[in-house]
């Protein structure tokens, strides 16, 4: 497992792209062209399973993905539609590349706003070069930037009439637990979407992936998150959460900016030292998070927060709805329709 699997899985990135009528024509063209190319490459899973040219390893992964897809419908009440019944090999390691940015002394993400879809805290590119150029431009404005590959994205169900979101080579070979999380996460985006609240959307989908994967393994009579990769994921999230919390307190303080910069450097150094200790100790030399820690900055930490910040609130909401996914989704959709401040206050109420 690499750090990319713990970072953003893409969310509703394409929907934001396709809503960008007021943005540059070049950005719009790469968005549409990239997605159409992806859709053209997709073949029905049933066809691939019957094809003698399909490797046995890929057939096994596709069969697992179809079992997960059925479970998502029967046990998690996720949408029963065309998504994840086709497969595409993109010939590259990422579906898209996301660009996120934040100020030097803040964990507030730069946002881009689009007609209909509202504002999102990332900007996605099918071409890595385009993402890197955007990153360079943002750095020129004095922002801290993170550019990272995304294995999957959701079209929020808008593409189901033309085949739906496909399974991709960028994630099909993942460990079973990670594959389950990704499929459940992306399908959750088709259930509820708040046009102006990336953290709400991603935290909801993360809650569904966690609840759903736990139920998947319980149904199979197997323990959840006991493998080394899962333990590393938990420890990575704990470490980055501690660092984010310390930085947030620092940035809110009344210290002069010069002192904030010095303390920020110390906190980042401590985080990297703790990662080195984990790598040398319980992680037994695992290098999957090295790239993340090497490039860690406010932007990288802030986008992690978007996926985690409200997960406890959603998990409590699920409990209040009697652990019933249908009731849970209905309440989430109700919240998504509220103004952002009211939505957040309601979600936080009645712990």
Protein backbone atom coordinates (compact mmCIF):
# COMPACT_ATOMS: atom_id res chain seq x y z
CA UNK A 1 0.00 0.00 0.00
CA UNK A 2 1.32 3.47 -0.88
CA UNK A 3 0.49 6.83 0.64
CA UNK A 4 -1.70 7.63 -2.37
CA UNK A 5 -4.19 5.08 -1.17
CA UNK A 6 -4.53 6.89 2.11
CA UNK A 7 -4.65 10.32 0.59
CA UNK A 8 -7.43 11.61 -1.64
CA UNK A 9 -9.17 9.05 -3.82
CA UNK A 10 -10.43 11.72 -6.11
CA UNK A 11 -13.95 12.22 -4.90
CA UNK A 12 -16.14 14.13 -7.30
CA UNK A 13 -13.25 15.55 -9.26
CA UNK A 14 -14.67 15.08 -12.74
CA UNK A 15 -17.99 16.65 -11.92
CA UNK A 16 -16.21 19.81 -10.86
CA UNK A 17 -14.23 19.76 -14.09
CA UNK A 18 -17.26 19.38 -16.31
CA UNK A 19 -18.97 22.25 -14.56
CA UNK A 20 -16.14 24.62 -15.43
CA UNK A 21 -17.80 26.53 -18.24
CA UNK A 22 -16.38 29.80 -16.93
CA UNK A 23 -12.85 28.44 -16.73
CA UNK A 24 -10.24 28.31 -19.48
CA UNK A 25 -11.11 26.34 -22.59
CA UNK A 26 -7.85 24.40 -22.26
CA UNK A 27 -8.78 23.12 -18.83
CA UNK A 28 -12.29 22.26 -19.99
CA UNK A 29 -10.95 20.42 -23.05
CA UNK A 30 -8.49 18.27 -21.08
CA UNK A 31 -11.24 17.41 -18.59
CA UNK A 32 -13.73 16.25 -21.19
CA UNK A 33 -11.13 14.64 -23.43
CA UNK A 34 -9.50 12.77 -20.57
CA UNK A 35 -12.75 11.33 -19.32
CA UNK A 36 -13.96 10.34 -22.78
CA UNK A 37 -10.65 8.52 -23.36
CA UNK A 38 -11.14 6.66 -20.10
CA UNK A 39 -14.68 5.67 -21.06
CA UNK A 40 -13.57 4.48 -24.50
CA UNK A 41 -11.04 2.14 -22.93
CA UNK A 42 -13.60 0.47 -20.65
CA UNK A 43 -14.83 -3.06 -21.45
CA UNK A 44 -17.58 -5.03 -19.67
CA UNK A 45 -16.21 -7.22 -16.89
CA UNK A 46 -18.26 -10.17 -18.13
CA UNK A 47 -16.57 -9.87 -21.54
CA UNK A 48 -13.11 -9.79 -19.99
CA UNK A 49 -13.86 -12.83 -17.84
CA UNK A 50 -14.82 -14.77 -20.96
CA UNK A 51 -11.75 -13.61 -22.89
CA UNK A 52 -8.94 -16.18 -23.01
CA UNK A 53 -6.47 -13.31 -23.38
CA UNK A 54 -7.32 -11.94 -19.93
CA UNK A 55 -4.74 -13.03 -17.37
CA UNK A 56 -5.85 -15.29 -14.56
CA UNK A 57 -4.63 -12.74 -12.01
CA UNK A 58 -6.80 -9.99 -13.52
CA UNK A 59 -9.80 -12.33 -13.70
CA UNK A 60 -9.50 -13.05 -10.00
CA UNK A 61 -9.36 -9.35 -9.14
CA UNK A 62 -12.34 -8.55 -11.37
CA UNK A 63 -14.33 -11.35 -9.75
CA UNK A 64 -13.49 -9.98 -6.30
CA UNK A 65 -14.53 -6.50 -7.43
CA UNK A 66 -17.88 -7.85 -8.62
CA UNK A 67 -18.47 -9.56 -5.27
CA UNK A 68 -17.70 -6.27 -3.55
CA UNK A 69 -20.04 -4.48 -5.95
CA UNK A 70 -22.91 -6.85 -5.15
CA UNK A 71 -22.24 -6.53 -1.43
CA UNK A 72 -22.35 -2.74 -1.75
CA UNK A 73 -25.94 -3.05 -2.98
CA UNK A 74 -27.26 -5.89 -0.84
CA UNK A 75 -25.64 -5.01 2.49
CA UNK A 76 -24.69 -1.31 2.29
CA UNK A 77 -27.69 0.01 0.32
CA UNK A 78 -25.35 1.73 -2.13
CA UNK A 79 -26.62 2.46 -5.67
CA UNK A 80 -27.36 -0.50 -7.96
CA UNK A 81 -26.33 0.93 -11.30
CA UNK A 82 -23.79 0.62 -14.12
CA UNK A 83 -20.74 1.77 -12.14
CA UNK A 84 -17.89 -0.72 -11.59
CA UNK A 85 -19.22 -3.34 -14.00
CA UNK A 86 -16.60 -2.37 -16.62
CA UNK A 87 -12.81 -2.24 -16.54
CA UNK A 88 -10.27 0.03 -18.22
CA UNK A 89 -6.49 -0.18 -18.40
CA UNK A 90 -5.28 3.41 -18.72
CA UNK A 91 -1.65 2.50 -19.21
CA UNK A 92 -0.60 4.88 -16.43
CA UNK A 93 -0.37 4.71 -12.62
CA UNK A 94 -3.02 7.33 -11.82
CA UNK A 95 -6.45 8.18 -13.17
CA UNK A 96 -5.90 11.90 -12.63
CA UNK A 97 -3.51 14.21 -10.79
CA UNK A 98 -4.91 16.58 -8.20
CA UNK A 99 -3.49 19.95 -7.25
CA UNK A 100 -4.14 21.34 -3.77
CA UNK A 101 -2.76 24.51 -2.23
CA UNK A 102 -2.75 26.34 1.11
CA UNK A 103 -1.14 29.50 2.53
CA UNK A 104 2.16 29.38 4.37
CA UNK A 105 0.57 29.82 7.81
CA UNK A 106 -2.82 28.20 7.34
CA UNK A 107 -4.40 24.81 6.74
CA UNK A 108 -7.25 26.30 4.72
CA UNK A 109 -7.27 24.90 1.20
CA UNK A 110 -7.41 27.12 -1.84
CA UNK A 111 -10.80 26.57 -3.50
CA UNK A 112 -12.03 26.72 -7.08
CA UNK A 113 -15.67 27.48 -7.72
CA UNK A 114 -17.75 26.26 -10.64
CA UNK A 115 -21.33 26.84 -11.78
CA UNK A 116 -23.83 24.38 -10.32
CA UNK A 117 -21.25 22.25 -8.48
CA UNK A 118 -20.06 24.94 -6.06
CA UNK A 119 -16.55 25.19 -4.62
CA UNK A 120 -13.99 22.40 -4.23
CA UNK A 121 -10.59 22.30 -2.56
CA UNK A 122 -8.69 20.69 -5.43
CA UNK A 123 -8.17 20.94 -9.16
CA UNK A 124 -7.79 17.80 -11.26
CA UNK A 125 -5.88 17.03 -14.45
CA UNK A 126 -5.72 13.95 -16.64
CA UNK A 127 -2.23 15.03 -17.71
CA UNK A 128 0.43 15.22 -15.02
CA UNK A 129 2.24 17.97 -16.87
CA UNK A 130 -0.82 20.20 -16.66
CA UNK A 131 -1.08 19.56 -12.93
CA UNK A 132 2.60 20.38 -12.40
CA UNK A 133 2.25 23.62 -14.38
CA UNK A 134 -0.71 24.64 -12.24
CA UNK A 135 1.31 23.79 -9.14
CA UNK A 136 4.16 26.00 -10.31
CA UNK A 137 1.74 28.87 -10.90
CA UNK A 138 0.29 28.54 -7.40
CA UNK A 139 3.73 28.41 -5.82
CA UNK A 140 4.46 31.65 -7.62
CA UNK A 141 1.59 33.17 -5.67
CA UNK A 142 3.28 32.19 -2.40
CA UNK A 143 1.14 29.14 -1.70
CA UNK A 144 2.30 25.73 -0.53
CA UNK A 145 1.28 23.13 -3.10
CA UNK A 146 0.86 19.39 -3.32
CA UNK A 147 0.45 17.56 -6.64
CA UNK A 148 -0.44 13.89 -6.29
CA UNK A 149 -1.80 11.02 -8.32
CA UNK A 150 -5.37 9.91 -7.75
CA UNK A 151 -6.33 6.28 -8.47
CA UNK A 152 -10.06 6.92 -9.00
CA UNK A 153 -12.72 9.61 -9.12
CA UNK A 154 -16.49 9.72 -9.07
CA UNK A 155 -18.83 11.27 -11.63
CA UNK A 156 -21.57 11.25 -8.94
CA UNK A 157 -23.59 8.85 -11.04
CA UNK A 158 -23.91 11.24 -13.97
CA UNK A 159 -22.11 8.81 -16.28
CA UNK A 160 -24.23 5.74 -15.52
CA UNK A 161 -26.26 6.21 -18.69
CA UNK A 162 -23.07 5.65 -20.72
CA UNK A 163 -21.61 2.81 -18.68
CA UNK A 164 -20.82 4.34 -15.31
CA UNK A 165 -17.52 4.74 -13.50
CA UNK A 166 -15.25 1.80 -14.44
CA UNK A 167 -12.84 -0.28 -12.45
CA UNK A 168 -9.29 0.78 -13.35
CA UNK A 169 -5.81 -0.70 -13.53
CA UNK A 170 -4.77 2.04 -11.08
CA UNK A 171 -6.40 0.19 -8.17
CA UNK A 172 -7.62 -3.25 -9.27
CA UNK A 173 -4.54 -5.05 -7.83
CA UNK A 174 -4.82 -3.46 -4.38
CA UNK A 175 -5.18 -5.52 -1.22
CA UNK A 176 -8.75 -6.68 -0.68
CA UNK A 177 -9.37 -4.24 2.19
CA UNK A 178 -8.15 -1.27 0.16
CA UNK A 179 -10.15 -2.29 -2.91
CA UNK A 180 -13.28 -2.61 -0.78
CA UNK A 181 -12.73 0.82 0.75
CA UNK A 182 -12.24 2.48 -2.60
CA UNK A 183 -15.35 0.97 -4.23
CA UNK A 184 -17.53 1.77 -1.22
CA UNK A 185 -16.06 5.30 -0.98
CA UNK A 186 -16.66 6.20 -4.61
CA UNK A 187 -20.18 4.75 -4.64
CA UNK A 188 -20.98 6.80 -1.53
CA UNK A 189 -20.37 9.95 -3.59
CA UNK A 190 -23.33 8.90 -5.73
CA UNK A 191 -25.59 8.92 -2.66
CA UNK A 192 -25.11 12.46 -1.34
CA UNK A 193 -23.19 15.55 -2.42
CA UNK A 194 -23.01 19.05 -0.92
CA UNK A 195 -21.99 21.48 -3.63
CA UNK A 196 -19.97 23.76 -1.35
CA UNK A 197 -18.36 21.43 1.15
CA UNK A 198 -15.46 19.15 0.16
CA UNK A 199 -14.85 18.08 3.76
CA UNK A 200 -18.49 17.04 4.24
CA UNK A 201 -18.48 15.02 1.02
CA UNK A 202 -15.15 13.28 1.55
CA UNK A 203 -15.66 12.60 5.26
CA UNK A 204 -19.06 11.04 4.49
CA UNK A 205 -17.54 8.79 1.84
CA UNK A 206 -14.68 7.86 4.18
CA UNK A 207 -17.18 6.95 6.90
CA UNK A 208 -19.04 4.71 4.43
CA UNK A 209 -15.81 3.01 3.34
CA UNK A 210 -14.88 2.31 6.95
CA UNK A 211 -18.30 1.08 7.98
CA UNK A 212 -18.72 -0.88 4.78
CA UNK A 213 -15.34 -2.62 4.86
CA UNK A 214 -15.90 -3.59 8.49
CA UNK A 215 -19.23 -5.16 7.55
CA UNK A 216 -17.65 -6.92 4.55
CA UNK A 217 -15.05 -8.65 6.70
CA UNK A 218 -17.53 -9.41 9.47
CA UNK A 219 -19.83 -11.09 6.92
CA UNK A 220 -16.88 -13.22 5.81
CA UNK A 221 -15.99 -14.11 9.39
CA UNK A 222 -12.58 -12.52 9.10
CA UNK A 223 -10.92 -9.89 11.31
CA UNK A 224 -10.79 -6.30 10.11
CA UNK A 225 -7.64 -4.19 9.76
CA UNK A 226 -5.22 -6.64 11.37
CA UNK A 227 -2.72 -6.84 8.52
CA UNK A 228 0.50 -4.83 8.47
CA UNK A 229 -0.76 -2.45 5.79
CA UNK A 230 -3.84 -1.56 7.84
CA UNK A 231 -1.76 -0.98 10.97
CA UNK A 232 0.54 1.32 9.02
CA UNK A 233 -2.49 3.24 7.74
CA UNK A 234 -3.77 3.77 11.27
CA UNK A 235 -0.37 4.92 12.51
CA UNK A 236 0.09 7.24 9.52
CA UNK A 237 -3.26 8.89 10.16
CA UNK A 238 -2.55 9.25 13.87
CA UNK A 239 0.80 10.91 13.17
CA UNK A 240 -0.58 13.35 10.60
CA UNK A 241 -3.56 14.16 12.85
CA UNK A 242 -1.24 15.07 15.72
CA UNK A 243 0.76 17.32 13.42
CA UNK A 244 -2.32 18.99 11.96
CA UNK A 245 -3.74 19.66 15.41
CA UNK A 246 -0.49 21.24 16.58
CA UNK A 247 -0.22 23.38 13.44
CA UNK A 248 -3.83 24.51 13.66
CA UNK A 249 -3.26 25.69 17.24
CA UNK A 250 -0.06 27.43 16.18
CA UNK A 251 -1.67 29.24 13.25
CA UNK A 252 -4.55 30.43 15.44
CA UNK A 253 -2.18 31.78 18.08
CA UNK A 254 -1.11 35.41 18.53
CA UNK A 255 2.57 34.67 17.96
CA UNK A 256 4.42 36.84 15.45
CA UNK A 257 4.70 35.27 12.00
CA UNK A 258 8.45 34.80 12.40
CA UNK A 259 7.88 32.72 15.53
CA UNK A 260 5.14 30.76 13.79
CA UNK A 261 7.49 29.90 10.95
CA UNK A 262 10.15 28.67 13.36
CA UNK A 263 7.69 26.57 15.36
CA UNK A 264 6.14 25.22 12.16
CA UNK A 265 9.57 24.03 10.99
CA UNK A 266 10.09 22.28 14.33
CA UNK A 267 6.71 20.53 14.14
CA UNK A 268 7.34 19.34 10.60
CA UNK A 269 10.79 18.08 11.59
CA UNK A 270 9.25 16.20 14.52
CA UNK A 271 6.67 14.60 12.24
CA UNK A 272 9.37 13.42 9.83
CA UNK A 273 11.46 12.08 12.70
CA UNK A 274 8.48 10.12 14.00
CA UNK A 275 7.94 8.70 10.52
CA UNK A 276 11.60 7.66 10.38
CA UNK A 277 11.21 5.92 13.74
CA UNK A 278 8.13 4.03 12.53
CA UNK A 279 9.93 3.05 9.34
CA UNK A 280 12.96 1.80 11.24
CA UNK A 281 10.82 0.01 13.82
CA UNK A 282 7.35 -1.52 13.38
CA UNK A 283 7.16 -0.72 9.66
CA UNK A 284 10.27 -2.83 8.99
CA UNK A 285 11.68 -0.48 6.35
CA UNK A 286 8.38 0.11 4.48
CA UNK A 287 8.92 2.96 2.01
CA UNK A 288 5.36 3.54 0.79
CA UNK A 289 4.93 6.80 2.69
CA UNK A 290 8.39 8.23 1.95
CA UNK A 291 7.24 10.45 -0.92
CA UNK A 292 4.40 11.89 1.14
CA UNK A 293 6.61 12.84 4.07
CA UNK A 294 9.31 14.22 1.78
CA UNK A 295 6.82 16.65 0.23
CA UNK A 296 4.58 17.21 3.26
CA UNK A 297 3.38 20.78 3.72
CA UNK A 298 0.22 22.66 4.67
CA UNK A 299 -1.54 21.65 1.47
CA UNK A 300 -0.81 17.94 1.91
CA UNK A 301 -1.94 18.01 5.54
CA UNK A 302 -5.04 20.05 4.75
CA UNK A 303 -6.28 17.67 2.08
CA UNK A 304 -5.82 14.78 4.53
CA UNK A 305 -8.09 16.65 6.92
CA UNK A 306 -10.80 16.89 4.27
CA UNK A 307 -11.03 13.09 4.26
CA UNK A 308 -10.94 12.61 8.03
CA UNK A 309 -12.24 15.67 9.85
CA UNK A 310 -15.95 14.82 10.07
CA UNK A 311 -15.74 11.01 10.05
CA UNK A 312 -16.49 10.65 13.80
CA UNK A 313 -19.62 12.80 13.38
CA UNK A 314 -20.83 10.64 10.49
CA UNK A 315 -20.13 7.45 12.41
CA UNK A 316 -22.18 8.79 15.34
CA UNK A 317 -24.97 9.70 12.93
CA UNK A 318 -24.92 6.14 11.61
CA UNK A 319 -25.28 4.84 15.16
CA UNK A 320 -28.17 7.25 15.83
CA UNK A 321 -29.92 5.88 12.75
CA UNK A 322 -29.86 2.40 14.22
CA UNK A 323 -26.96 1.27 12.02
CA UNK A 324 -29.41 1.31 9.13
CA UNK A 325 -27.67 2.47 5.94
CA UNK A 326 -30.90 3.55 4.22
CA UNK A 327 -31.89 5.77 7.13
CA UNK A 328 -28.32 7.02 7.45
CA UNK A 329 -28.16 8.05 3.78
CA UNK A 330 -31.53 9.78 3.98
CA UNK A 331 -30.29 11.91 6.87
CA UNK A 332 -27.00 12.69 5.10
CA UNK A 333 -28.92 13.83 2.01
CA UNK A 334 -31.07 16.03 4.21
CA UNK A 335 -27.97 17.60 5.73
CA UNK A 336 -26.36 18.08 2.31
CA UNK A 337 -29.32 20.25 1.26
CA UNK A 338 -28.84 22.66 4.19
CA UNK A 339 -26.67 25.82 4.12
CA UNK A 340 -23.09 24.93 5.07
CA UNK A 341 -23.05 26.49 8.56
CA UNK A 342 -26.38 24.90 9.47
CA UNK A 343 -25.25 21.58 8.00
CA UNK A 344 -22.09 21.49 10.08
CA UNK A 345 -23.88 22.57 13.26
CA UNK A 346 -26.58 19.93 12.82
CA UNK A 347 -24.04 17.20 12.13
CA UNK A 348 -22.08 18.13 15.25
CA UNK A 349 -25.20 18.20 17.47
CA UNK A 350 -26.40 15.33 19.63
CA UNK A 351 -23.09 13.50 20.03
